[in-house]
Amino acid sequence: MTKPEISWQDFEKIDIRVGTIISVDNFEKARNPSYQLEIDFGDLGIRKSSAQITTLYSKEDLVGKQILAVVNFPKKQIANFFSECLVLGVYGENKSDVTLLSPSLPVKNGLEVG
């Protein structure tokens, strides 16, 4: 089932950028297994995110990986951590199996998706 149709103006409000994961830590206080990520978005700076991606990715797999994230959400507090962006991924049949979205070739951090 698809979600309701949106306008082009609705889509233009979403700011999706490319960033490189620079550090990964276990997020012990999260309800579901998660990592705390630090992501370099170039001129936008470094932002933090909590991501439930532990079933398909080890911490070592993630450092240096370019990903896509929504960077214009308000900060969201999760336990004692403030998530500053939403890392994008595709749910597998099991919702805990998330495959991250990333550019197929290396690009400059901070570039917009459109």
PDB file of N, CA and C in Angstrom:
ATOM      1  N   MET A   1       0.847  -1.173   0.000  1.00  0.00           N
ATOM      2  CA  MET A   1       0.000   0.000   0.000  1.00  0.00           C
ATOM      3  C   MET A   1       0.899   1.244   0.000  1.00  0.00           C
ATOM      4  N   THR A   2       0.598   2.195  -0.851  1.00  0.00           N
ATOM      5  CA  THR A   2       1.379   3.424  -0.906  1.00  0.00           C
ATOM      6  C   THR A   2       0.805   4.466   0.029  1.00  0.00           C
ATOM      7  N   LYS A   3       1.614   5.448   0.337  1.00  0.00           N
ATOM      8  CA  LYS A   3       1.190   6.549   1.201  1.00  0.00           C
ATOM      9  C   LYS A   3       0.456   7.588   0.362  1.00  0.00           C
ATOM     10  N   PRO A   4      -0.223   8.540   1.012  1.00  0.00           N
ATOM     11  CA  PRO A   4      -0.956   9.557   0.250  1.00  0.00           C
ATOM     12  C   PRO A   4      -0.037  10.365  -0.664  1.00  0.00           C
ATOM     13  N   GLU A   5      -0.566  10.788  -1.785  1.00  0.00           N
ATOM     14  CA  GLU A   5       0.182  11.604  -2.735  1.00  0.00           C
ATOM     15  C   GLU A   5       0.559  12.939  -2.097  1.00  0.00           C
ATOM     16  N   ILE A   6       1.769  13.403  -2.412  1.00  0.00           N
ATOM     17  CA  ILE A   6       2.207  14.711  -1.930  1.00  0.00           C
ATOM     18  C   ILE A   6       2.471  15.606  -3.129  1.00  0.00           C
ATOM     19  N   SER A   7       2.554  16.892  -2.872  1.00  0.00           N
ATOM     20  CA  SER A   7       2.842  17.844  -3.949  1.00  0.00           C
ATOM     21  C   SER A   7       4.348  17.995  -4.115  1.00  0.00           C
ATOM     22  N   TRP A   8       4.751  18.586  -5.220  1.00  0.00           N
ATOM     23  CA  TRP A   8       6.164  18.888  -5.451  1.00  0.00           C
ATOM     24  C   TRP A   8       6.667  19.817  -4.350  1.00  0.00           C
ATOM     25  N   GLN A   9       5.841  20.747  -3.915  1.00  0.00           N
ATOM     26  CA  GLN A   9       6.230  21.673  -2.850  1.00  0.00           C
ATOM     27  C   GLN A   9       6.488  20.924  -1.547  1.00  0.00           C
ATOM     28  N   ASP A  10       5.719  19.873  -1.280  1.00  0.00           N
ATOM     29  CA  ASP A  10       5.965  19.048  -0.090  1.00  0.00           C
ATOM     30  C   ASP A  10       7.336  18.381  -0.187  1.00  0.00           C
ATOM     31  N   PHE A  11       7.639  17.812  -1.345  1.00  0.00           N
ATOM     32  CA  PHE A  11       8.927  17.137  -1.531  1.00  0.00           C
ATOM     33  C   PHE A  11      10.082  18.120  -1.387  1.00  0.00           C
ATOM     34  N   GLU A  12       9.925  19.340  -1.912  1.00  0.00           N
ATOM     35  CA  GLU A  12      10.996  20.330  -1.839  1.00  0.00           C
ATOM     36  C   GLU A  12      11.345  20.729  -0.409  1.00  0.00           C
ATOM     37  N   LYS A  13      10.465  20.479   0.541  1.00  0.00           N
ATOM     38  CA  LYS A  13      10.726  20.812   1.938  1.00  0.00           C
ATOM     39  C   LYS A  13      11.715  19.833   2.584  1.00  0.00           C
ATOM     40  N   ILE A  14      11.866  18.648   2.002  1.00  0.00           N
ATOM     41  CA  ILE A  14      12.734  17.625   2.581  1.00  0.00           C
ATOM     42  C   ILE A  14      14.158  17.869   2.104  1.00  0.00           C
ATOM     43  N   ASP A  15      15.071  18.035   3.050  1.00  0.00           N
ATOM     44  CA  ASP A  15      16.482  18.298   2.733  1.00  0.00           C
ATOM     45  C   ASP A  15      17.275  17.018   2.970  1.00  0.00           C
ATOM     46  N   ILE A  16      17.549  16.296   1.880  1.00  0.00           N
ATOM     47  CA  ILE A  16      18.294  15.036   1.945  1.00  0.00           C
ATOM     48  C   ILE A  16      19.703  15.310   1.450  1.00  0.00           C
ATOM     49  N   ARG A  17      20.690  14.933   2.268  1.00  0.00           N
ATOM     50  CA  ARG A  17      22.094  15.213   1.949  1.00  0.00           C
ATOM     51  C   ARG A  17      22.936  13.954   2.077  1.00  0.00           C
ATOM     52  N   VAL A  18      24.101  14.011   1.441  1.00  0.00           N
ATOM     53  CA  VAL A  18      25.090  12.938   1.538  1.00  0.00           C
ATOM     54  C   VAL A  18      26.051  13.268   2.671  1.00  0.00           C
ATOM     55  N   GLY A  19      26.358  12.274   3.478  1.00  0.00           N
ATOM     56  CA  GLY A  19      27.339  12.437   4.537  1.00  0.00           C
ATOM     57  C   GLY A  19      28.174  11.178   4.688  1.00  0.00           C
ATOM     58  N   THR A  20      29.308  11.314   5.344  1.00  0.00           N
ATOM     59  CA  THR A  20      30.181  10.180   5.613  1.00  0.00           C
ATOM     60  C   THR A  20      30.197   9.908   7.112  1.00  0.00           C
ATOM     61  N   ILE A  21      29.955   8.662   7.476  1.00  0.00           N
ATOM     62  CA  ILE A  21      29.980   8.265   8.886  1.00  0.00           C
ATOM     63  C   ILE A  21      31.427   8.301   9.366  1.00  0.00           C
ATOM     64  N   ILE A  22      31.667   9.069  10.433  1.00  0.00           N
ATOM     65  CA  ILE A  22      33.032   9.200  10.947  1.00  0.00           C
ATOM     66  C   ILE A  22      33.249   8.488  12.277  1.00  0.00           C
ATOM     67  N   SER A  23      32.165   8.193  13.007  1.00  0.00           N
ATOM     68  CA  SER A  23      32.317   7.389  14.228  1.00  0.00           C
ATOM     69  C   SER A  23      31.017   6.665  14.530  1.00  0.00           C
ATOM     70  N   VAL A  24      31.159   5.511  15.195  1.00  0.00           N
ATOM     71  CA  VAL A  24      30.027   4.656  15.538  1.00  0.00           C
ATOM     72  C   VAL A  24      30.237   4.121  16.945  1.00  0.00           C
ATOM     73  N   ASP A  25      29.206   4.245  17.773  1.00  0.00           N
ATOM     74  CA  ASP A  25      29.236   3.682  19.123  1.00  0.00           C
ATOM     75  C   ASP A  25      27.956   2.904  19.368  1.00  0.00           C
ATOM     76  N   ASN A  26      28.034   1.893  20.215  1.00  0.00           N
ATOM     77  CA  ASN A  26      26.821   1.201  20.644  1.00  0.00           C
ATOM     78  C   ASN A  26      25.959   2.174  21.431  1.00  0.00           C
ATOM     79  N   PHE A  27      24.641   2.054  21.269  1.00  0.00           N
ATOM     80  CA  PHE A  27      23.701   2.914  21.994  1.00  0.00           C
ATOM     81  C   PHE A  27      23.012   2.041  23.038  1.00  0.00           C
ATOM     82  N   GLU A  28      23.671   1.918  24.183  1.00  0.00           N
ATOM     83  CA  GLU A  28      23.224   1.009  25.233  1.00  0.00           C
ATOM     84  C   GLU A  28      21.858   1.374  25.810  1.00  0.00           C
ATOM     85  N   LYS A  29      21.512   2.661  25.841  1.00  0.00           N
ATOM     86  CA  LYS A  29      20.266   3.092  26.478  1.00  0.00           C
ATOM     87  C   LYS A  29      19.059   3.066  25.543  1.00  0.00           C
ATOM     88  N   ALA A  30      19.250   2.745  24.283  1.00  0.00           N
ATOM     89  CA  ALA A  30      18.135   2.664  23.333  1.00  0.00           C
ATOM     90  C   ALA A  30      17.282   1.433  23.635  1.00  0.00           C
ATOM     91  N   ARG A  31      15.981   1.532  23.381  1.00  0.00           N
ATOM     92  CA  ARG A  31      15.088   0.392  23.613  1.00  0.00           C
ATOM     93  C   ARG A  31      15.387  -0.764  22.658  1.00  0.00           C
ATOM     94  N   ASN A  32      15.670  -0.433  21.410  1.00  0.00           N
ATOM     95  CA  ASN A  32      16.003  -1.440  20.403  1.00  0.00           C
ATOM     96  C   ASN A  32      17.487  -1.319  20.071  1.00  0.00           C
ATOM     97  N   PRO A  33      18.132  -2.421  19.688  1.00  0.00           N
ATOM     98  CA  PRO A  33      19.564  -2.355  19.369  1.00  0.00           C
ATOM     99  C   PRO A  33      19.845  -1.256  18.330  1.00  0.00           C
ATOM    100  N   SER A  34      20.758  -0.351  18.669  1.00  0.00           N
ATOM    101  CA  SER A  34      21.042   0.810  17.827  1.00  0.00           C
ATOM    102  C   SER A  34      22.492   1.220  17.959  1.00  0.00           C
ATOM    103  N   TYR A  35      22.902   2.037  16.998  1.00  0.00           N
ATOM    104  CA  TYR A  35      24.199   2.693  17.049  1.00  0.00           C
ATOM    105  C   TYR A  35      23.991   4.196  17.177  1.00  0.00           C
ATOM    106  N   GLN A  36      24.957   4.859  17.787  1.00  0.00           N
ATOM    107  CA  GLN A  36      25.055   6.313  17.756  1.00  0.00           C
ATOM    108  C   GLN A  36      26.086   6.654  16.689  1.00  0.00           C
ATOM    109  N   LEU A  37      25.686   7.425  15.699  1.00  0.00           N
ATOM    110  CA  LEU A  37      26.552   7.774  14.580  1.00  0.00           C
ATOM    111  C   LEU A  37      26.929   9.241  14.626  1.00  0.00           C
ATOM    112  N   GLU A  38      28.151   9.551  14.207  1.00  0.00           N
ATOM    113  CA  GLU A  38      28.554  10.918  13.896  1.00  0.00           C
ATOM    114  C   GLU A  38      28.803  10.935  12.398  1.00  0.00           C
ATOM    115  N   ILE A  39      28.171  11.907  11.724  1.00  0.00           N
ATOM    116  CA  ILE A  39      28.191  11.948  10.264  1.00  0.00           C
ATOM    117  C   ILE A  39      28.686  13.308   9.810  1.00  0.00           C
ATOM    118  N   ASP A  40      29.656  13.316   8.905  1.00  0.00           N
ATOM    119  CA  ASP A  40      30.225  14.545   8.357  1.00  0.00           C
ATOM    120  C   ASP A  40      29.432  14.940   7.118  1.00  0.00           C
ATOM    121  N   PHE A  41      28.760  16.094   7.182  1.00  0.00           N
ATOM    122  CA  PHE A  41      27.989  16.623   6.063  1.00  0.00           C
ATOM    123  C   PHE A  41      28.690  17.810   5.409  1.00  0.00           C
ATOM    124  N   GLY A  42      30.005  17.826   5.440  1.00  0.00           N
ATOM    125  CA  GLY A  42      30.761  18.888   4.774  1.00  0.00           C
ATOM    126  C   GLY A  42      30.470  20.246   5.377  1.00  0.00           C
ATOM    127  N   ASP A  43      30.043  21.206   4.539  1.00  0.00           N
ATOM    128  CA  ASP A  43      29.781  22.573   4.993  1.00  0.00           C
ATOM    129  C   ASP A  43      28.672  22.655   6.044  1.00  0.00           C
ATOM    130  N   LEU A  44      27.799  21.642   6.123  1.00  0.00           N
ATOM    131  CA  LEU A  44      26.735  21.625   7.139  1.00  0.00           C
ATOM    132  C   LEU A  44      27.257  21.210   8.506  1.00  0.00           C
ATOM    133  N   GLY A  45      28.469  20.652   8.526  1.00  0.00           N
ATOM    134  CA  GLY A  45      29.067  20.238   9.787  1.00  0.00           C
ATOM    135  C   GLY A  45      28.809  18.777  10.115  1.00  0.00           C
ATOM    136  N   ILE A  46      29.151  18.422  11.331  1.00  0.00           N
ATOM    137  CA  ILE A  46      28.993  17.049  11.817  1.00  0.00           C
ATOM    138  C   ILE A  46      27.696  16.968  12.607  1.00  0.00           C
ATOM    139  N   ARG A  47      26.899  15.956  12.291  1.00  0.00           N
ATOM    140  CA  ARG A  47      25.632  15.746  12.984  1.00  0.00           C
ATOM    141  C   ARG A  47      25.598  14.334  13.541  1.00  0.00           C
ATOM    142  N   LYS A  48      24.786  14.173  14.586  1.00  0.00           N
ATOM    143  CA  LYS A  48      24.640  12.881  15.242  1.00  0.00           C
ATOM    144  C   LYS A  48      23.298  12.257  14.867  1.00  0.00           C
ATOM    145  N   SER A  49      23.274  10.930  14.868  1.00  0.00           N
ATOM    146  CA  SER A  49      22.030  10.220  14.603  1.00  0.00           C
ATOM    147  C   SER A  49      22.040   8.895  15.337  1.00  0.00           C
ATOM    148  N   SER A  50      20.869   8.459  15.748  1.00  0.00           N
ATOM    149  CA  SER A  50      20.681   7.121  16.290  1.00  0.00           C
ATOM    150  C   SER A  50      20.087   6.282  15.161  1.00  0.00           C
ATOM    151  N   ALA A  51      20.635   5.093  14.943  1.00  0.00           N
ATOM    152  CA  ALA A  51      20.154   4.265  13.838  1.00  0.00           C
ATOM    153  C   ALA A  51      20.047   2.805  14.262  1.00  0.00           C
ATOM    154  N   GLN A  52      18.896   2.205  13.981  1.00  0.00           N
ATOM    155  CA  GLN A  52      18.662   0.794  14.287  1.00  0.00           C
ATOM    156  C   GLN A  52      19.119  -0.050  13.095  1.00  0.00           C
ATOM    157  N   ILE A  53      20.423  -0.163  12.942  1.00  0.00           N
ATOM    158  CA  ILE A  53      21.007  -0.842  11.784  1.00  0.00           C
ATOM    159  C   ILE A  53      22.012  -1.911  12.208  1.00  0.00           C
ATOM    160  N   THR A  54      21.838  -2.441  13.416  1.00  0.00           N
ATOM    161  CA  THR A  54      22.831  -3.361  13.982  1.00  0.00           C
ATOM    162  C   THR A  54      22.765  -4.768  13.406  1.00  0.00           C
ATOM    163  N   THR A  55      21.648  -5.155  12.783  1.00  0.00           N
ATOM    164  CA  THR A  55      21.553  -6.538  12.305  1.00  0.00           C
ATOM    165  C   THR A  55      22.359  -6.765  11.028  1.00  0.00           C
ATOM    166  N   LEU A  56      22.493  -5.758  10.177  1.00  0.00           N
ATOM    167  CA  LEU A  56      23.205  -5.936   8.911  1.00  0.00           C
ATOM    168  C   LEU A  56      24.588  -5.289   8.880  1.00  0.00           C
ATOM    169  N   TYR A  57      24.900  -4.393   9.843  1.00  0.00           N
ATOM    170  CA  TYR A  57      26.153  -3.651   9.807  1.00  0.00           C
ATOM    171  C   TYR A  57      26.895  -3.742  11.125  1.00  0.00           C
ATOM    172  N   SER A  58      28.184  -4.000  11.039  1.00  0.00           N
ATOM    173  CA  SER A  58      29.041  -3.894  12.224  1.00  0.00           C
ATOM    174  C   SER A  58      29.544  -2.452  12.298  1.00  0.00           C
ATOM    175  N   LYS A  59      30.047  -2.070  13.451  1.00  0.00           N
ATOM    176  CA  LYS A  59      30.595  -0.715  13.594  1.00  0.00           C
ATOM    177  C   LYS A  59      31.727  -0.487  12.600  1.00  0.00           C
ATOM    178  N   GLU A  60      32.548  -1.490  12.399  1.00  0.00           N
ATOM    179  CA  GLU A  60      33.695  -1.365  11.491  1.00  0.00           C
ATOM    180  C   GLU A  60      33.242  -1.179  10.038  1.00  0.00           C
ATOM    181  N   ASP A  61      32.106  -1.799   9.656  1.00  0.00           N
ATOM    182  CA  ASP A  61      31.576  -1.644   8.294  1.00  0.00           C
ATOM    183  C   ASP A  61      31.132  -0.216   8.012  1.00  0.00           C
ATOM    184  N   LEU A  62      30.743   0.493   9.050  1.00  0.00           N
ATOM    185  CA  LEU A  62      30.094   1.785   8.869  1.00  0.00           C
ATOM    186  C   LEU A  62      31.050   2.971   8.767  1.00  0.00           C
ATOM    187  N   VAL A  63      32.156   2.929   9.479  1.00  0.00           N
ATOM    188  CA  VAL A  63      33.078   4.068   9.475  1.00  0.00           C
ATOM    189  C   VAL A  63      33.626   4.261   8.055  1.00  0.00           C
ATOM    190  N   GLY A  64      33.455   5.473   7.532  1.00  0.00           N
ATOM    191  CA  GLY A  64      33.896   5.795   6.174  1.00  0.00           C
ATOM    192  C   GLY A  64      32.823   5.604   5.121  1.00  0.00           C
ATOM    193  N   LYS A  65      31.670   5.057   5.494  1.00  0.00           N
ATOM    194  CA  LYS A  65      30.586   4.807   4.538  1.00  0.00           C
ATOM    195  C   LYS A  65      29.791   6.085   4.291  1.00  0.00           C
ATOM    196  N   GLN A  66      29.544   6.385   3.017  1.00  0.00           N
ATOM    197  CA  GLN A  66      28.674   7.511   2.685  1.00  0.00           C
ATOM    198  C   GLN A  66      27.224   7.051   2.736  1.00  0.00           C
ATOM    199  N   ILE A  67      26.376   7.901   3.300  1.00  0.00           N
ATOM    200  CA  ILE A  67      24.954   7.577   3.463  1.00  0.00           C
ATOM    201  C   ILE A  67      24.124   8.787   3.053  1.00  0.00           C
ATOM    202  N   LEU A  68      22.814   8.582   2.966  1.00  0.00           N
ATOM    203  CA  LEU A  68      21.861   9.661   2.734  1.00  0.00           C
ATOM    204  C   LEU A  68      21.067   9.875   4.011  1.00  0.00           C
ATOM    205  N   ALA A  69      20.784  11.147   4.311  1.00  0.00           N
ATOM    206  CA  ALA A  69      20.030  11.458   5.525  1.00  0.00           C
ATOM    207  C   ALA A  69      19.205  12.714   5.323  1.00  0.00           C
ATOM    208  N   VAL A  70      18.082  12.774   6.015  1.00  0.00           N
ATOM    209  CA  VAL A  70      17.277  13.987   6.078  1.00  0.00           C
ATOM    210  C   VAL A  70      17.885  14.850   7.173  1.00  0.00           C
ATOM    211  N   VAL A  71      18.266  16.079   6.816  1.00  0.00           N
ATOM    212  CA  VAL A  71      18.981  16.926   7.771  1.00  0.00           C
ATOM    213  C   VAL A  71      18.145  18.091   8.308  1.00  0.00           C
ATOM    214  N   ASN A  72      16.887  18.206   7.891  1.00  0.00           N
ATOM    215  CA  ASN A  72      16.095  19.348   8.361  1.00  0.00           C
ATOM    216  C   ASN A  72      14.927  18.963   9.264  1.00  0.00           C
ATOM    217  N   PHE A  73      15.063  17.846   9.970  1.00  0.00           N
ATOM    218  CA  PHE A  73      14.132  17.529  11.048  1.00  0.00           C
ATOM    219  C   PHE A  73      14.592  18.236  12.314  1.00  0.00           C
ATOM    220  N   PRO A  74      13.678  18.539  13.236  1.00  0.00           N
ATOM    221  CA  PRO A  74      14.138  19.050  14.534  1.00  0.00           C
ATOM    222  C   PRO A  74      14.867  17.935  15.290  1.00  0.00           C
ATOM    223  N   LYS A  75      15.732  18.327  16.224  1.00  0.00           N
ATOM    224  CA  LYS A  75      16.425  17.327  17.050  1.00  0.00           C
ATOM    225  C   LYS A  75      15.400  16.475  17.774  1.00  0.00           C
ATOM    226  N   LYS A  76      15.727  15.187  17.916  1.00  0.00           N
ATOM    227  CA  LYS A  76      14.841  14.259  18.621  1.00  0.00           C
ATOM    228  C   LYS A  76      15.627  13.603  19.742  1.00  0.00           C
ATOM    229  N   GLN A  77      15.106  13.708  20.968  1.00  0.00           N
ATOM    230  CA  GLN A  77      15.782  13.083  22.099  1.00  0.00           C
ATOM    231  C   GLN A  77      15.385  11.623  22.202  1.00  0.00           C
ATOM    232  N   ILE A  78      16.406  10.761  22.252  1.00  0.00           N
ATOM    233  CA  ILE A  78      16.211   9.327  22.440  1.00  0.00           C
ATOM    234  C   ILE A  78      17.078   8.960  23.641  1.00  0.00           C
ATOM    235  N   ALA A  79      16.420   8.649  24.751  1.00  0.00           N
ATOM    236  CA  ALA A  79      17.116   8.436  26.030  1.00  0.00           C
ATOM    237  C   ALA A  79      17.952   9.682  26.327  1.00  0.00           C
ATOM    238  N   ASN A  80      19.263   9.525  26.493  1.00  0.00           N
ATOM    239  CA  ASN A  80      20.121  10.663  26.833  1.00  0.00           C
ATOM    240  C   ASN A  80      20.840  11.238  25.607  1.00  0.00           C
ATOM    241  N   PHE A  81      20.339  10.946  24.408  1.00  0.00           N
ATOM    242  CA  PHE A  81      21.020  11.287  23.156  1.00  0.00           C
ATOM    243  C   PHE A  81      20.091  12.127  22.283  1.00  0.00           C
ATOM    244  N   PHE A  82      20.658  13.129  21.592  1.00  0.00           N
ATOM    245  CA  PHE A  82      19.881  13.950  20.668  1.00  0.00           C
ATOM    246  C   PHE A  82      20.257  13.597  19.239  1.00  0.00           C
ATOM    247  N   SER A  83      19.287  13.057  18.500  1.00  0.00           N
ATOM    248  CA  SER A  83      19.487  12.709  17.096  1.00  0.00           C
ATOM    249  C   SER A  83      19.215  13.963  16.267  1.00  0.00           C
ATOM    250  N   GLU A  84      20.160  14.324  15.383  1.00  0.00           N
ATOM    251  CA  GLU A  84      20.093  15.574  14.629  1.00  0.00           C
ATOM    252  C   GLU A  84      19.781  15.383  13.148  1.00  0.00           C
ATOM    253  N   CYS A  85      19.644  14.141  12.718  1.00  0.00           N
ATOM    254  CA  CYS A  85      19.282  13.858  11.334  1.00  0.00           C
ATOM    255  C   CYS A  85      18.698  12.450  11.275  1.00  0.00           C
ATOM    256  N   LEU A  86      18.044  12.131  10.167  1.00  0.00           N
ATOM    257  CA  LEU A  86      17.443  10.816   9.979  1.00  0.00           C
ATOM    258  C   LEU A  86      18.156  10.101   8.846  1.00  0.00           C
ATOM    259  N   VAL A  87      18.906   9.066   9.195  1.00  0.00           N
ATOM    260  CA  VAL A  87      19.614   8.260   8.208  1.00  0.00           C
ATOM    261  C   VAL A  87      18.568   7.430   7.448  1.00  0.00           C
ATOM    262  N   LEU A  88      18.703   7.375   6.125  1.00  0.00           N
ATOM    263  CA  LEU A  88      17.708   6.695   5.292  1.00  0.00           C
ATOM    264  C   LEU A  88      18.149   5.285   4.938  1.00  0.00           C
ATOM    265  N   GLY A  89      17.189   4.372   4.947  1.00  0.00           N
ATOM    266  CA  GLY A  89      17.457   2.988   4.599  1.00  0.00           C
ATOM    267  C   GLY A  89      16.196   2.309   4.108  1.00  0.00           C
ATOM    268  N   VAL A  90      16.362   1.105   3.631  1.00  0.00           N
ATOM    269  CA  VAL A  90      15.262   0.299   3.118  1.00  0.00           C
ATOM    270  C   VAL A  90      15.010  -0.844   4.093  1.00  0.00           C
ATOM    271  N   TYR A  91      13.747  -0.998   4.512  1.00  0.00           N
ATOM    272  CA  TYR A  91      13.386  -2.093   5.406  1.00  0.00           C
ATOM    273  C   TYR A  91      13.366  -3.403   4.633  1.00  0.00           C
ATOM    274  N   GLY A  92      13.936  -4.450   5.244  1.00  0.00           N
ATOM    275  CA  GLY A  92      13.798  -5.793   4.702  1.00  0.00           C
ATOM    276  C   GLY A  92      12.461  -6.365   5.134  1.00  0.00           C
ATOM    277  N   GLU A  93      12.250  -7.633   4.839  1.00  0.00           N
ATOM    278  CA  GLU A  93      11.000  -8.272   5.262  1.00  0.00           C
ATOM    279  C   GLU A  93      10.855  -8.208   6.773  1.00  0.00           C
ATOM    280  N   ASN A  94      11.988  -8.338   7.468  1.00  0.00           N
ATOM    281  CA  ASN A  94      12.022  -8.139   8.907  1.00  0.00           C
ATOM    282  C   ASN A  94      12.400  -6.667   9.115  1.00  0.00           C
ATOM    283  N   LYS A  95      11.577  -5.879   9.782  1.00  0.00           N
ATOM    284  CA  LYS A  95      11.811  -4.439   9.922  1.00  0.00           C
ATOM    285  C   LYS A  95      13.141  -4.105  10.587  1.00  0.00           C
ATOM    286  N   SER A  96      13.774  -5.081  11.257  1.00  0.00           N
ATOM    287  CA  SER A  96      15.070  -4.797  11.874  1.00  0.00           C
ATOM    288  C   SER A  96      16.222  -4.938  10.885  1.00  0.00           C
ATOM    289  N   ASP A  97      15.946  -5.439   9.690  1.00  0.00           N
ATOM    290  CA  ASP A  97      16.967  -5.567   8.646  1.00  0.00           C
ATOM    291  C   ASP A  97      16.903  -4.341   7.737  1.00  0.00           C
ATOM    292  N   VAL A  98      17.682  -3.329   8.080  1.00  0.00           N
ATOM    293  CA  VAL A  98      17.665  -2.070   7.331  1.00  0.00           C
ATOM    294  C   VAL A  98      18.937  -1.963   6.496  1.00  0.00           C
ATOM    295  N   THR A  99      18.757  -1.763   5.189  1.00  0.00           N
ATOM    296  CA  THR A  99      19.874  -1.547   4.277  1.00  0.00           C
ATOM    297  C   THR A  99      19.989  -0.055   4.021  1.00  0.00           C
ATOM    298  N   LEU A 100      21.132   0.512   4.342  1.00  0.00           N
ATOM    299  CA  LEU A 100      21.333   1.953   4.189  1.00  0.00           C
ATOM    300  C   LEU A 100      21.336   2.370   2.717  1.00  0.00           C
ATOM    301  N   LEU A 101      20.822   3.568   2.465  1.00  0.00           N
ATOM    302  CA  LEU A 101      20.894   4.159   1.133  1.00  0.00           C
ATOM    303  C   LEU A 101      22.191   4.943   1.026  1.00  0.00           C
ATOM    304  N   SER A 102      22.875   4.789  -0.099  1.00  0.00           N
ATOM    305  CA  SER A 102      24.142   5.495  -0.279  1.00  0.00           C
ATOM    306  C   SER A 102      24.361   5.743  -1.766  1.00  0.00           C
ATOM    307  N   PRO A 103      25.167   6.762  -2.095  1.00  0.00           N
ATOM    308  CA  PRO A 103      25.465   7.006  -3.507  1.00  0.00           C
ATOM    309  C   PRO A 103      26.291   5.849  -4.082  1.00  0.00           C
ATOM    310  N   SER A 104      26.115   5.593  -5.371  1.00  0.00           N
ATOM    311  CA  SER A 104      26.850   4.490  -6.001  1.00  0.00           C
ATOM    312  C   SER A 104      28.304   4.849  -6.288  1.00  0.00           C
ATOM    313  N   LEU A 105      28.613   6.140  -6.311  1.00  0.00           N
ATOM    314  CA  LEU A 105      29.986   6.624  -6.483  1.00  0.00           C
ATOM    315  C   LEU A 105      30.287   7.629  -5.384  1.00  0.00           C
ATOM    316  N   PRO A 106      31.541   7.795  -4.983  1.00  0.00           N
ATOM    317  CA  PRO A 106      31.867   8.790  -3.962  1.00  0.00           C
ATOM    318  C   PRO A 106      31.520  10.205  -4.450  1.00  0.00           C
ATOM    319  N   VAL A 107      30.924  10.992  -3.549  1.00  0.00           N
ATOM    320  CA  VAL A 107      30.584  12.382  -3.846  1.00  0.00           C
ATOM    321  C   VAL A 107      30.970  13.244  -2.650  1.00  0.00           C
ATOM    322  N   LYS A 108      30.962  14.551  -2.850  1.00  0.00           N
ATOM    323  CA  LYS A 108      31.307  15.492  -1.789  1.00  0.00           C
ATOM    324  C   LYS A 108      30.247  15.470  -0.690  1.00  0.00           C
ATOM    325  N   ASN A 109      30.705  15.409   0.562  1.00  0.00           N
ATOM    326  CA  ASN A 109      29.781  15.463   1.697  1.00  0.00           C
ATOM    327  C   ASN A 109      28.977  16.757   1.658  1.00  0.00           C
ATOM    328  N   GLY A 110      27.686  16.629   1.964  1.00  0.00           N
ATOM    329  CA  GLY A 110      26.803  17.779   2.032  1.00  0.00           C
ATOM    330  C   GLY A 110      25.997  18.028   0.768  1.00  0.00           C
ATOM    331  N   LEU A 111      26.328  17.323  -0.326  1.00  0.00           N
ATOM    332  CA  LEU A 111      25.561  17.543  -1.559  1.00  0.00           C
ATOM    333  C   LEU A 111      24.113  17.111  -1.368  1.00  0.00           C
ATOM    334  N   GLU A 112      23.203  17.836  -2.036  1.00  0.00           N
ATOM    335  CA  GLU A 112      21.770  17.593  -1.943  1.00  0.00           C
ATOM    336  C   GLU A 112      21.307  16.487  -2.867  1.00  0.00           C
ATOM    337  N   VAL A 113      20.288  15.767  -2.421  1.00  0.00           N
ATOM    338  CA  VAL A 113      19.585  14.804  -3.268  1.00  0.00           C
ATOM    339  C   VAL A 113      18.377  15.514  -3.836  1.00  0.00           C
ATOM    340  N   GLY A 114      18.110  15.296  -5.101  1.00  0.00           N
ATOM    341  CA  GLY A 114      16.949  15.948  -5.715  1.00  0.00           C
ATOM    342  C   GLY A 114      16.526  15.252  -6.960  1.00  0.00           C
TER     343      GLY A 114
END
